[in-house]
Amino acid sequence: MTDTDAIDPSVPPSGDGCVDCDAAGGWWFHLRRCASCGHIGCCDSSPSQHATAHYKATGHPLVRSFEPGEEWFWDYSGDELYESGPELAPPAHHPGDQPVPGPAGRVPDDWARSLHR
């Protein structure tokens, strides 16, 4: 991992789901956690792609998956995947009972048609 200065392992995640989708009443497919500030955003397959928007707005280059069982990091600045990295403040993923896509009650029946591929 090249930009370890962009990681603050003491910062907890900003919530259980995409902060921006929650504010707008939207939904997400998968979640990403900013390794600098803990912001939880939705992935690039999600309709609103808030994790990438957060990177573009802040310059925070590293995200970690916020999905159960996934420990990889993505470096936006170098378009690189890292299979692992430093431990971040808990929790390491969204609640196990939170559905994917989520959150419950906001995902349309035809959700797969809204995904970016």
PDB file of N, CA and C in Angstrom:
ATOM      1  N   MET A   1       0.861  -1.167   0.000  1.00  0.00           N
ATOM      2  CA  MET A   1       0.000   0.000   0.000  1.00  0.00           C
ATOM      3  C   MET A   1       0.905   1.227   0.000  1.00  0.00           C
ATOM      4  N   THR A   2       0.654   2.123  -0.912  1.00  0.00           N
ATOM      5  CA  THR A   2       1.569   3.242  -1.111  1.00  0.00           C
ATOM      6  C   THR A   2       1.267   4.456  -0.245  1.00  0.00           C
ATOM      7  N   ASP A   3       0.005   4.768   0.023  1.00  0.00           N
ATOM      8  CA  ASP A   3      -0.347   6.017   0.689  1.00  0.00           C
ATOM      9  C   ASP A   3      -0.884   5.756   2.096  1.00  0.00           C
ATOM     10  N   THR A   4      -0.054   5.171   2.959  1.00  0.00           N
ATOM     11  CA  THR A   4      -0.514   4.862   4.305  1.00  0.00           C
ATOM     12  C   THR A   4      -0.776   6.111   5.132  1.00  0.00           C
ATOM     13  N   ASP A   5      -0.286   7.272   4.708  1.00  0.00           N
ATOM     14  CA  ASP A   5      -0.617   8.523   5.393  1.00  0.00           C
ATOM     15  C   ASP A   5      -2.104   8.852   5.249  1.00  0.00           C
ATOM     16  N   ALA A   6      -2.761   8.248   4.275  1.00  0.00           N
ATOM     17  CA  ALA A   6      -4.182   8.489   4.035  1.00  0.00           C
ATOM     18  C   ALA A   6      -5.068   7.606   4.904  1.00  0.00           C
ATOM     19  N   ILE A   7      -4.470   6.855   5.819  1.00  0.00           N
ATOM     20  CA  ILE A   7      -5.226   5.949   6.682  1.00  0.00           C
ATOM     21  C   ILE A   7      -5.171   6.451   8.114  1.00  0.00           C
ATOM     22  N   ASP A   8      -6.341   6.597   8.717  1.00  0.00           N
ATOM     23  CA  ASP A   8      -6.425   6.897  10.144  1.00  0.00           C
ATOM     24  C   ASP A   8      -7.160   5.730  10.791  1.00  0.00           C
ATOM     25  N   PRO A   9      -6.424   4.773  11.355  1.00  0.00           N
ATOM     26  CA  PRO A   9      -7.053   3.573  11.902  1.00  0.00           C
ATOM     27  C   PRO A   9      -7.894   3.827  13.144  1.00  0.00           C
ATOM     28  N   SER A  10      -7.835   5.017  13.721  1.00  0.00           N
ATOM     29  CA  SER A  10      -8.590   5.301  14.939  1.00  0.00           C
ATOM     30  C   SER A  10     -10.004   5.817  14.671  1.00  0.00           C
ATOM     31  N   VAL A  11     -10.298   6.216  13.428  1.00  0.00           N
ATOM     32  CA  VAL A  11     -11.594   6.828  13.105  1.00  0.00           C
ATOM     33  C   VAL A  11     -12.647   5.749  12.848  1.00  0.00           C
ATOM     34  N   PRO A  12     -13.747   5.778  13.585  1.00  0.00           N
ATOM     35  CA  PRO A  12     -14.802   4.787  13.349  1.00  0.00           C
ATOM     36  C   PRO A  12     -15.599   5.116  12.090  1.00  0.00           C
ATOM     37  N   PRO A  13     -16.331   4.141  11.559  1.00  0.00           N
ATOM     38  CA  PRO A  13     -17.181   4.413  10.401  1.00  0.00           C
ATOM     39  C   PRO A  13     -18.283   5.410  10.747  1.00  0.00           C
ATOM     40  N   SER A  14     -18.745   6.125   9.740  1.00  0.00           N
ATOM     41  CA  SER A  14     -19.742   7.179   9.947  1.00  0.00           C
ATOM     42  C   SER A  14     -21.149   6.647  10.195  1.00  0.00           C
ATOM     43  N   GLY A  15     -21.358   5.362  10.044  1.00  0.00           N
ATOM     44  CA  GLY A  15     -22.676   4.773  10.275  1.00  0.00           C
ATOM     45  C   GLY A  15     -22.733   3.361   9.741  1.00  0.00           C
ATOM     46  N   ASP A  16     -23.951   2.849   9.633  1.00  0.00           N
ATOM     47  CA  ASP A  16     -24.173   1.479   9.151  1.00  0.00           C
ATOM     48  C   ASP A  16     -24.400   1.399   7.649  1.00  0.00           C
ATOM     49  N   GLY A  17     -24.677   2.536   7.022  1.00  0.00           N
ATOM     50  CA  GLY A  17     -24.988   2.559   5.603  1.00  0.00           C
ATOM     51  C   GLY A  17     -24.431   3.806   4.950  1.00  0.00           C
ATOM     52  N   CYS A  18     -24.693   3.953   3.668  1.00  0.00           N
ATOM     53  CA  CYS A  18     -24.218   5.112   2.927  1.00  0.00           C
ATOM     54  C   CYS A  18     -24.848   6.378   3.507  1.00  0.00           C
ATOM     55  N   VAL A  19     -24.013   7.246   4.011  1.00  0.00           N
ATOM     56  CA  VAL A  19     -24.463   8.486   4.641  1.00  0.00           C
ATOM     57  C   VAL A  19     -25.285   9.321   3.666  1.00  0.00           C
ATOM     58  N   ASP A  20     -24.813   9.420   2.437  1.00  0.00           N
ATOM     59  CA  ASP A  20     -25.476  10.271   1.441  1.00  0.00           C
ATOM     60  C   ASP A  20     -26.792   9.663   0.966  1.00  0.00           C
ATOM     61  N   CYS A  21     -26.830   8.349   0.771  1.00  0.00           N
ATOM     62  CA  CYS A  21     -28.091   7.689   0.398  1.00  0.00           C
ATOM     63  C   CYS A  21     -29.117   7.828   1.518  1.00  0.00           C
ATOM     64  N   ASP A  22     -28.661   7.652   2.769  1.00  0.00           N
ATOM     65  CA  ASP A  22     -29.580   7.808   3.896  1.00  0.00           C
ATOM     66  C   ASP A  22     -30.166   9.214   3.925  1.00  0.00           C
ATOM     67  N   ALA A  23     -29.338  10.221   3.688  1.00  0.00           N
ATOM     68  CA  ALA A  23     -29.815  11.608   3.716  1.00  0.00           C
ATOM     69  C   ALA A  23     -30.826  11.891   2.612  1.00  0.00           C
ATOM     70  N   ALA A  24     -30.659  11.211   1.475  1.00  0.00           N
ATOM     71  CA  ALA A  24     -31.535  11.461   0.321  1.00  0.00           C
ATOM     72  C   ALA A  24     -32.676  10.453   0.206  1.00  0.00           C
ATOM     73  N   GLY A  25     -32.719   9.471   1.101  1.00  0.00           N
ATOM     74  CA  GLY A  25     -33.763   8.449   1.025  1.00  0.00           C
ATOM     75  C   GLY A  25     -33.496   7.409  -0.051  1.00  0.00           C
ATOM     76  N   GLY A  26     -32.234   7.291  -0.486  1.00  0.00           N
ATOM     77  CA  GLY A  26     -31.870   6.342  -1.535  1.00  0.00           C
ATOM     78  C   GLY A  26     -31.467   4.982  -0.994  1.00  0.00           C
ATOM     79  N   TRP A  27     -30.894   4.181  -1.864  1.00  0.00           N
ATOM     80  CA  TRP A  27     -30.463   2.827  -1.500  1.00  0.00           C
ATOM     81  C   TRP A  27     -29.118   2.536  -2.146  1.00  0.00           C
ATOM     82  N   TRP A  28     -28.478   1.472  -1.711  1.00  0.00           N
ATOM     83  CA  TRP A  28     -27.145   1.110  -2.191  1.00  0.00           C
ATOM     84  C   TRP A  28     -27.052  -0.378  -2.461  1.00  0.00           C
ATOM     85  N   PHE A  29     -26.020  -0.738  -3.218  1.00  0.00           N
ATOM     86  CA  PHE A  29     -25.723  -2.141  -3.493  1.00  0.00           C
ATOM     87  C   PHE A  29     -24.691  -2.644  -2.495  1.00  0.00           C
ATOM     88  N   HIS A  30     -23.467  -2.120  -2.547  1.00  0.00           N
ATOM     89  CA  HIS A  30     -22.425  -2.461  -1.580  1.00  0.00           C
ATOM     90  C   HIS A  30     -21.848  -1.177  -1.001  1.00  0.00           C
ATOM     91  N   LEU A  31     -21.170  -1.332   0.141  1.00  0.00           N
ATOM     92  CA  LEU A  31     -20.674  -0.165   0.871  1.00  0.00           C
ATOM     93  C   LEU A  31     -19.150  -0.125   0.927  1.00  0.00           C
ATOM     94  N   ARG A  32     -18.607   1.100   0.947  1.00  0.00           N
ATOM     95  CA  ARG A  32     -17.177   1.352   1.036  1.00  0.00           C
ATOM     96  C   ARG A  32     -16.931   2.349   2.165  1.00  0.00           C
ATOM     97  N   ARG A  33     -15.823   2.149   2.865  1.00  0.00           N
ATOM     98  CA  ARG A  33     -15.467   2.992   4.015  1.00  0.00           C
ATOM     99  C   ARG A  33     -14.191   3.774   3.717  1.00  0.00           C
ATOM    100  N   CYS A  34     -14.236   5.078   3.840  1.00  0.00           N
ATOM    101  CA  CYS A  34     -13.056   5.907   3.645  1.00  0.00           C
ATOM    102  C   CYS A  34     -12.059   5.611   4.756  1.00  0.00           C
ATOM    103  N   ALA A  35     -10.834   5.287   4.374  1.00  0.00           N
ATOM    104  CA  ALA A  35      -9.801   4.955   5.349  1.00  0.00           C
ATOM    105  C   ALA A  35      -9.249   6.196   6.043  1.00  0.00           C
ATOM    106  N   SER A  36      -9.549   7.378   5.532  1.00  0.00           N
ATOM    107  CA  SER A  36      -9.081   8.624   6.146  1.00  0.00           C
ATOM    108  C   SER A  36     -10.043   9.140   7.206  1.00  0.00           C
ATOM    109  N   CYS A  37     -11.337   9.188   6.871  1.00  0.00           N
ATOM    110  CA  CYS A  37     -12.289   9.850   7.765  1.00  0.00           C
ATOM    111  C   CYS A  37     -13.454   8.976   8.212  1.00  0.00           C
ATOM    112  N   GLY A  38     -13.560   7.747   7.695  1.00  0.00           N
ATOM    113  CA  GLY A  38     -14.625   6.842   8.113  1.00  0.00           C
ATOM    114  C   GLY A  38     -15.930   6.994   7.352  1.00  0.00           C
ATOM    115  N   HIS A  39     -16.010   7.932   6.419  1.00  0.00           N
ATOM    116  CA  HIS A  39     -17.242   8.141   5.635  1.00  0.00           C
ATOM    117  C   HIS A  39     -17.654   6.839   4.953  1.00  0.00           C
ATOM    118  N   ILE A  40     -18.912   6.454   5.141  1.00  0.00           N
ATOM    119  CA  ILE A  40     -19.445   5.283   4.453  1.00  0.00           C
ATOM    120  C   ILE A  40     -20.199   5.772   3.226  1.00  0.00           C
ATOM    121  N   GLY A  41     -19.788   5.258   2.071  1.00  0.00           N
ATOM    122  CA  GLY A  41     -20.423   5.598   0.802  1.00  0.00           C
ATOM    123  C   GLY A  41     -20.754   4.343   0.032  1.00  0.00           C
ATOM    124  N   CYS A  42     -21.611   4.476  -0.948  1.00  0.00           N
ATOM    125  CA  CYS A  42     -22.000   3.326  -1.764  1.00  0.00           C
ATOM    126  C   CYS A  42     -21.015   3.121  -2.916  1.00  0.00           C
ATOM    127  N   CYS A  43     -20.932   1.884  -3.378  1.00  0.00           N
ATOM    128  CA  CYS A  43     -19.971   1.478  -4.404  1.00  0.00           C
ATOM    129  C   CYS A  43     -20.333   2.014  -5.787  1.00  0.00           C
ATOM    130  N   ASP A  44     -19.438   1.801  -6.735  1.00  0.00           N
ATOM    131  CA  ASP A  44     -19.651   2.282  -8.100  1.00  0.00           C
ATOM    132  C   ASP A  44     -20.731   1.513  -8.854  1.00  0.00           C
ATOM    133  N   SER A  45     -21.152   0.363  -8.355  1.00  0.00           N
ATOM    134  CA  SER A  45     -22.281  -0.339  -8.966  1.00  0.00           C
ATOM    135  C   SER A  45     -23.604   0.247  -8.491  1.00  0.00           C
ATOM    136  N   SER A  46     -23.589   0.930  -7.368  1.00  0.00           N
ATOM    137  CA  SER A  46     -24.795   1.530  -6.804  1.00  0.00           C
ATOM    138  C   SER A  46     -25.259   2.697  -7.670  1.00  0.00           C
ATOM    139  N   PRO A  47     -26.559   3.010  -7.623  1.00  0.00           N
ATOM    140  CA  PRO A  47     -27.076   4.098  -8.460  1.00  0.00           C
ATOM    141  C   PRO A  47     -26.365   5.438  -8.261  1.00  0.00           C
ATOM    142  N   SER A  48     -25.975   5.775  -7.036  1.00  0.00           N
ATOM    143  CA  SER A  48     -25.435   7.114  -6.779  1.00  0.00           C
ATOM    144  C   SER A  48     -23.922   7.191  -6.634  1.00  0.00           C
ATOM    145  N   GLN A  49     -23.232   6.095  -6.492  1.00  0.00           N
ATOM    146  CA  GLN A  49     -21.759   6.045  -6.476  1.00  0.00           C
ATOM    147  C   GLN A  49     -21.144   7.072  -5.520  1.00  0.00           C
ATOM    148  N   HIS A  50     -21.620   7.086  -4.282  1.00  0.00           N
ATOM    149  CA  HIS A  50     -21.189   8.101  -3.322  1.00  0.00           C
ATOM    150  C   HIS A  50     -19.762   7.923  -2.815  1.00  0.00           C
ATOM    151  N   ALA A  51     -19.216   6.708  -2.788  1.00  0.00           N
ATOM    152  CA  ALA A  51     -17.829   6.543  -2.335  1.00  0.00           C
ATOM    153  C   ALA A  51     -16.869   7.255  -3.283  1.00  0.00           C
ATOM    154  N   THR A  52     -17.075   7.090  -4.572  1.00  0.00           N
ATOM    155  CA  THR A  52     -16.230   7.784  -5.550  1.00  0.00           C
ATOM    156  C   THR A  52     -16.452   9.295  -5.482  1.00  0.00           C
ATOM    157  N   ALA A  53     -17.682   9.722  -5.296  1.00  0.00           N
ATOM    158  CA  ALA A  53     -17.965  11.155  -5.158  1.00  0.00           C
ATOM    159  C   ALA A  53     -17.239  11.726  -3.940  1.00  0.00           C
ATOM    160  N   HIS A  54     -17.174  10.964  -2.862  1.00  0.00           N
ATOM    161  CA  HIS A  54     -16.450  11.408  -1.662  1.00  0.00           C
ATOM    162  C   HIS A  54     -14.965  11.579  -1.977  1.00  0.00           C
ATOM    163  N   TYR A  55     -14.391  10.618  -2.685  1.00  0.00           N
ATOM    164  CA  TYR A  55     -12.977  10.742  -3.084  1.00  0.00           C
ATOM    165  C   TYR A  55     -12.765  12.004  -3.917  1.00  0.00           C
ATOM    166  N   LYS A  56     -13.624  12.243  -4.890  1.00  0.00           N
ATOM    167  CA  LYS A  56     -13.469  13.410  -5.760  1.00  0.00           C
ATOM    168  C   LYS A  56     -13.630  14.717  -4.992  1.00  0.00           C
ATOM    169  N   ALA A  57     -14.485  14.734  -3.985  1.00  0.00           N
ATOM    170  CA  ALA A  57     -14.724  15.952  -3.212  1.00  0.00           C
ATOM    171  C   ALA A  57     -13.639  16.217  -2.169  1.00  0.00           C
ATOM    172  N   THR A  58     -13.056  15.144  -1.624  1.00  0.00           N
ATOM    173  CA  THR A  58     -12.125  15.305  -0.505  1.00  0.00           C
ATOM    174  C   THR A  58     -10.674  14.998  -0.850  1.00  0.00           C
ATOM    175  N   GLY A  59     -10.458  14.180  -1.881  1.00  0.00           N
ATOM    176  CA  GLY A  59      -9.107  13.722  -2.188  1.00  0.00           C
ATOM    177  C   GLY A  59      -8.656  12.559  -1.331  1.00  0.00           C
ATOM    178  N   HIS A  60      -9.533  12.036  -0.483  1.00  0.00           N
ATOM    179  CA  HIS A  60      -9.185  10.868   0.337  1.00  0.00           C
ATOM    180  C   HIS A  60      -9.110   9.648  -0.585  1.00  0.00           C
ATOM    181  N   PRO A  61      -7.908   9.100  -0.822  1.00  0.00           N
ATOM    182  CA  PRO A  61      -7.729   8.122  -1.886  1.00  0.00           C
ATOM    183  C   PRO A  61      -8.063   6.669  -1.560  1.00  0.00           C
ATOM    184  N   LEU A  62      -8.113   6.300  -0.292  1.00  0.00           N
ATOM    185  CA  LEU A  62      -8.267   4.882   0.047  1.00  0.00           C
ATOM    186  C   LEU A  62      -9.618   4.582   0.678  1.00  0.00           C
ATOM    187  N   VAL A  63     -10.238   3.525   0.187  1.00  0.00           N
ATOM    188  CA  VAL A  63     -11.455   2.999   0.803  1.00  0.00           C
ATOM    189  C   VAL A  63     -11.233   1.528   1.108  1.00  0.00           C
ATOM    190  N   ARG A  64     -11.968   1.065   2.098  1.00  0.00           N
ATOM    191  CA  ARG A  64     -11.981  -0.357   2.419  1.00  0.00           C
ATOM    192  C   ARG A  64     -13.412  -0.839   2.239  1.00  0.00           C
ATOM    193  N   SER A  65     -13.557  -2.072   1.796  1.00  0.00           N
ATOM    194  CA  SER A  65     -14.891  -2.643   1.712  1.00  0.00           C
ATOM    195  C   SER A  65     -15.533  -2.609   3.099  1.00  0.00           C
ATOM    196  N   PHE A  66     -16.820  -2.328   3.141  1.00  0.00           N
ATOM    197  CA  PHE A  66     -17.575  -2.338   4.391  1.00  0.00           C
ATOM    198  C   PHE A  66     -18.591  -3.473   4.357  1.00  0.00           C
ATOM    199  N   GLU A  67     -18.213  -4.534   3.632  1.00  0.00           N
ATOM    200  CA  GLU A  67     -19.045  -5.725   3.502  1.00  0.00           C
ATOM    201  C   GLU A  67     -18.475  -6.851   4.368  1.00  0.00           C
ATOM    202  N   PRO A  68     -19.351  -7.638   5.010  1.00  0.00           N
ATOM    203  CA  PRO A  68     -18.873  -8.759   5.830  1.00  0.00           C
ATOM    204  C   PRO A  68     -17.984  -9.708   5.017  1.00  0.00           C
ATOM    205  N   GLY A  69     -16.879 -10.120   5.616  1.00  0.00           N
ATOM    206  CA  GLY A  69     -15.976 -11.078   4.988  1.00  0.00           C
ATOM    207  C   GLY A  69     -15.000 -10.490   3.985  1.00  0.00           C
ATOM    208  N   GLU A  70     -15.031  -9.176   3.771  1.00  0.00           N
ATOM    209  CA  GLU A  70     -14.123  -8.537   2.818  1.00  0.00           C
ATOM    210  C   GLU A  70     -13.183  -7.590   3.555  1.00  0.00           C
ATOM    211  N   GLU A  71     -11.879  -7.709   3.268  1.00  0.00           N
ATOM    212  CA  GLU A  71     -10.883  -6.886   3.943  1.00  0.00           C
ATOM    213  C   GLU A  71     -10.064  -6.044   2.971  1.00  0.00           C
ATOM    214  N   TRP A  72     -10.440  -5.997   1.688  1.00  0.00           N
ATOM    215  CA  TRP A  72      -9.627  -5.325   0.676  1.00  0.00           C
ATOM    216  C   TRP A  72      -9.787  -3.806   0.738  1.00  0.00           C
ATOM    217  N   PHE A  73      -8.755  -3.152   0.222  1.00  0.00           N
ATOM    218  CA  PHE A  73      -8.719  -1.702   0.078  1.00  0.00           C
ATOM    219  C   PHE A  73      -8.626  -1.367  -1.413  1.00  0.00           C
ATOM    220  N   TRP A  74      -9.179  -0.224  -1.800  1.00  0.00           N
ATOM    221  CA  TRP A  74      -9.047   0.297  -3.157  1.00  0.00           C
ATOM    222  C   TRP A  74      -8.401   1.672  -3.068  1.00  0.00           C
ATOM    223  N   ASP A  75      -7.413   1.895  -3.913  1.00  0.00           N
ATOM    224  CA  ASP A  75      -6.723   3.181  -3.995  1.00  0.00           C
ATOM    225  C   ASP A  75      -7.194   3.886  -5.255  1.00  0.00           C
ATOM    226  N   TYR A  76      -8.036   4.899  -5.090  1.00  0.00           N
ATOM    227  CA  TYR A  76      -8.553   5.647  -6.236  1.00  0.00           C
ATOM    228  C   TYR A  76      -7.437   6.351  -7.002  1.00  0.00           C
ATOM    229  N   SER A  77      -6.452   6.881  -6.286  1.00  0.00           N
ATOM    230  CA  SER A  77      -5.413   7.664  -6.939  1.00  0.00           C
ATOM    231  C   SER A  77      -4.523   6.809  -7.836  1.00  0.00           C
ATOM    232  N   GLY A  78      -4.357   5.556  -7.522  1.00  0.00           N
ATOM    233  CA  GLY A  78      -3.517   4.680  -8.334  1.00  0.00           C
ATOM    234  C   GLY A  78      -4.280   3.563  -9.031  1.00  0.00           C
ATOM    235  N   ASP A  79      -5.619   3.558  -8.890  1.00  0.00           N
ATOM    236  CA  ASP A  79      -6.451   2.482  -9.447  1.00  0.00           C
ATOM    237  C   ASP A  79      -5.879   1.113  -9.086  1.00  0.00           C
ATOM    238  N   GLU A  80      -5.607   0.929  -7.784  1.00  0.00           N
ATOM    239  CA  GLU A  80      -5.010  -0.324  -7.324  1.00  0.00           C
ATOM    240  C   GLU A  80      -5.840  -0.964  -6.229  1.00  0.00           C
ATOM    241  N   LEU A  81      -5.901  -2.283  -6.290  1.00  0.00           N
ATOM    242  CA  LEU A  81      -6.567  -3.090  -5.279  1.00  0.00           C
ATOM    243  C   LEU A  81      -5.515  -3.688  -4.362  1.00  0.00           C
ATOM    244  N   TYR A  82      -5.775  -3.645  -3.065  1.00  0.00           N
ATOM    245  CA  TYR A  82      -4.923  -4.285  -2.070  1.00  0.00           C
ATOM    246  C   TYR A  82      -5.782  -5.300  -1.326  1.00  0.00           C
ATOM    247  N   GLU A  83      -5.354  -6.535  -1.296  1.00  0.00           N
ATOM    248  CA  GLU A  83      -6.132  -7.614  -0.684  1.00  0.00           C
ATOM    249  C   GLU A  83      -6.324  -7.418   0.815  1.00  0.00           C
ATOM    250  N   SER A  84      -5.423  -6.687   1.445  1.00  0.00           N
ATOM    251  CA  SER A  84      -5.542  -6.424   2.878  1.00  0.00           C
ATOM    252  C   SER A  84      -4.794  -5.138   3.207  1.00  0.00           C
ATOM    253  N   GLY A  85      -4.891  -4.742   4.451  1.00  0.00           N
ATOM    254  CA  GLY A  85      -4.221  -3.542   4.914  1.00  0.00           C
ATOM    255  C   GLY A  85      -4.352  -3.459   6.414  1.00  0.00           C
ATOM    256  N   PRO A  86      -4.076  -2.307   6.985  1.00  0.00           N
ATOM    257  CA  PRO A  86      -4.149  -2.181   8.439  1.00  0.00           C
ATOM    258  C   PRO A  86      -5.579  -2.323   8.960  1.00  0.00           C
ATOM    259  N   GLU A  87      -5.680  -2.760  10.190  1.00  0.00           N
ATOM    260  CA  GLU A  87      -6.985  -2.835  10.832  1.00  0.00           C
ATOM    261  C   GLU A  87      -7.498  -1.419  11.071  1.00  0.00           C
ATOM    262  N   LEU A  88      -8.791  -1.241  10.872  1.00  0.00           N
ATOM    263  CA  LEU A  88      -9.433   0.040  11.139  1.00  0.00           C
ATOM    264  C   LEU A  88     -10.314  -0.103  12.378  1.00  0.00           C
ATOM    265  N   ALA A  89     -10.679   1.012  12.975  1.00  0.00           N
ATOM    266  CA  ALA A  89     -11.544   0.992  14.160  1.00  0.00           C
ATOM    267  C   ALA A  89     -12.825   0.226  13.852  1.00  0.00           C
ATOM    268  N   PRO A  90     -13.314  -0.544  14.801  1.00  0.00           N
ATOM    269  CA  PRO A  90     -14.545  -1.311  14.572  1.00  0.00           C
ATOM    270  C   PRO A  90     -15.761  -0.396  14.460  1.00  0.00           C
ATOM    271  N   PRO A  91     -16.817  -0.900  13.840  1.00  0.00           N
ATOM    272  CA  PRO A  91     -16.947  -2.224  13.226  1.00  0.00           C
ATOM    273  C   PRO A  91     -16.309  -2.269  11.836  1.00  0.00           C
ATOM    274  N   ALA A  92     -15.948  -3.476  11.403  1.00  0.00           N
ATOM    275  CA  ALA A  92     -15.276  -3.680  10.120  1.00  0.00           C
ATOM    276  C   ALA A  92     -16.250  -3.796   8.959  1.00  0.00           C
ATOM    277  N   HIS A  93     -17.531  -3.924   9.256  1.00  0.00           N
ATOM    278  CA  HIS A  93     -18.534  -4.070   8.193  1.00  0.00           C
ATOM    279  C   HIS A  93     -19.900  -3.656   8.714  1.00  0.00           C
ATOM    280  N   HIS A  94     -20.837  -3.508   7.782  1.00  0.00           N
ATOM    281  CA  HIS A  94     -22.203  -3.157   8.173  1.00  0.00           C
ATOM    282  C   HIS A  94     -22.809  -4.318   8.971  1.00  0.00           C
ATOM    283  N   PRO A  95     -23.907  -4.071   9.695  1.00  0.00           N
ATOM    284  CA  PRO A  95     -24.522  -5.148  10.474  1.00  0.00           C
ATOM    285  C   PRO A  95     -24.863  -6.346   9.591  1.00  0.00           C
ATOM    286  N   GLY A  96     -24.616  -7.527  10.110  1.00  0.00           N
ATOM    287  CA  GLY A  96     -24.847  -8.752   9.354  1.00  0.00           C
ATOM    288  C   GLY A  96     -26.289  -8.957   8.938  1.00  0.00           C
ATOM    289  N   ASP A  97     -27.234  -8.380   9.673  1.00  0.00           N
ATOM    290  CA  ASP A  97     -28.643  -8.552   9.318  1.00  0.00           C
ATOM    291  C   ASP A  97     -29.140  -7.487   8.344  1.00  0.00           C
ATOM    292  N   GLN A  98     -28.264  -6.571   7.947  1.00  0.00           N
ATOM    293  CA  GLN A  98     -28.633  -5.547   6.957  1.00  0.00           C
ATOM    294  C   GLN A  98     -28.610  -6.185   5.573  1.00  0.00           C
ATOM    295  N   PRO A  99     -29.692  -6.094   4.828  1.00  0.00           N
ATOM    296  CA  PRO A  99     -29.736  -6.769   3.522  1.00  0.00           C
ATOM    297  C   PRO A  99     -28.838  -6.105   2.478  1.00  0.00           C
ATOM    298  N   VAL A 100     -28.484  -6.874   1.481  1.00  0.00           N
ATOM    299  CA  VAL A 100     -27.725  -6.390   0.324  1.00  0.00           C
ATOM    300  C   VAL A 100     -28.554  -6.719  -0.909  1.00  0.00           C
ATOM    301  N   PRO A 101     -28.987  -5.755  -1.686  1.00  0.00           N
ATOM    302  CA  PRO A 101     -28.820  -4.321  -1.457  1.00  0.00           C
ATOM    303  C   PRO A 101     -29.633  -3.852  -0.255  1.00  0.00           C
ATOM    304  N   GLY A 102     -29.369  -2.656   0.177  1.00  0.00           N
ATOM    305  CA  GLY A 102     -30.040  -2.131   1.352  1.00  0.00           C
ATOM    306  C   GLY A 102     -30.269  -0.637   1.215  1.00  0.00           C
ATOM    307  N   PRO A 103     -30.879  -0.083   2.210  1.00  0.00           N
ATOM    308  CA  PRO A 103     -31.412  -0.723   3.403  1.00  0.00           C
ATOM    309  C   PRO A 103     -32.809  -1.289   3.150  1.00  0.00           C
ATOM    310  N   ALA A 104     -33.239  -2.112   4.059  1.00  0.00           N
ATOM    311  CA  ALA A 104     -34.572  -2.725   3.946  1.00  0.00           C
ATOM    312  C   ALA A 104     -35.628  -1.633   3.825  1.00  0.00           C
ATOM    313  N   GLY A 105     -36.569  -1.859   2.937  1.00  0.00           N
ATOM    314  CA  GLY A 105     -37.678  -0.929   2.778  1.00  0.00           C
ATOM    315  C   GLY A 105     -37.464   0.170   1.757  1.00  0.00           C
ATOM    316  N   ARG A 106     -36.231   0.362   1.273  1.00  0.00           N
ATOM    317  CA  ARG A 106     -35.976   1.422   0.287  1.00  0.00           C
ATOM    318  C   ARG A 106     -35.495   0.887  -1.053  1.00  0.00           C
ATOM    319  N   VAL A 107     -35.297  -0.399  -1.158  1.00  0.00           N
ATOM    320  CA  VAL A 107     -34.770  -0.979  -2.400  1.00  0.00           C
ATOM    321  C   VAL A 107     -35.949  -1.309  -3.321  1.00  0.00           C
ATOM    322  N   PRO A 108     -35.954  -0.777  -4.541  1.00  0.00           N
ATOM    323  CA  PRO A 108     -37.064  -1.077  -5.461  1.00  0.00           C
ATOM    324  C   PRO A 108     -37.033  -2.538  -5.918  1.00  0.00           C
ATOM    325  N   ASP A 109     -38.189  -3.042  -6.306  1.00  0.00           N
ATOM    326  CA  ASP A 109     -38.280  -4.439  -6.763  1.00  0.00           C
ATOM    327  C   ASP A 109     -37.389  -4.707  -7.966  1.00  0.00           C
ATOM    328  N   ASP A 110     -37.231  -3.731  -8.832  1.00  0.00           N
ATOM    329  CA  ASP A 110     -36.416  -3.904 -10.042  1.00  0.00           C
ATOM    330  C   ASP A 110     -35.007  -3.315  -9.854  1.00  0.00           C
ATOM    331  N   TRP A 111     -34.456  -3.421  -8.652  1.00  0.00           N
ATOM    332  CA  TRP A 111     -33.190  -2.787  -8.289  1.00  0.00           C
ATOM    333  C   TRP A 111     -32.045  -3.142  -9.220  1.00  0.00           C
ATOM    334  N   ALA A 112     -31.996  -4.377  -9.698  1.00  0.00           N
ATOM    335  CA  ALA A 112     -30.862  -4.808 -10.537  1.00  0.00           C
ATOM    336  C   ALA A 112     -30.770  -3.981 -11.824  1.00  0.00           C
ATOM    337  N   ARG A 113     -31.876  -3.459 -12.297  1.00  0.00           N
ATOM    338  CA  ARG A 113     -31.871  -2.642 -13.513  1.00  0.00           C
ATOM    339  C   ARG A 113     -31.207  -1.283 -13.290  1.00  0.00           C
ATOM    340  N   SER A 114     -31.051  -0.879 -12.036  1.00  0.00           N
ATOM    341  CA  SER A 114     -30.464   0.421 -11.715  1.00  0.00           C
ATOM    342  C   SER A 114     -28.965   0.351 -11.445  1.00  0.00           C
ATOM    343  N   LEU A 115     -28.381  -0.844 -11.449  1.00  0.00           N
ATOM    344  CA  LEU A 115     -26.961  -0.985 -11.155  1.00  0.00           C
ATOM    345  C   LEU A 115     -26.089  -0.524 -12.312  1.00  0.00           C
ATOM    346  N   HIS A 116     -24.961   0.068 -11.971  1.00  0.00           N
ATOM    347  CA  HIS A 116     -23.941   0.418 -12.963  1.00  0.00           C
ATOM    348  C   HIS A 116     -23.047  -0.797 -13.119  1.00  0.00           C
ATOM    349  N   ARG A 117     -22.703  -1.120 -14.320  1.00  0.00           N
ATOM    350  CA  ARG A 117     -21.869  -2.310 -14.561  1.00  0.00           C
ATOM    351  C   ARG A 117     -20.508  -1.918 -15.043  1.00  0.00           C
TER     352      ARG A 117
END
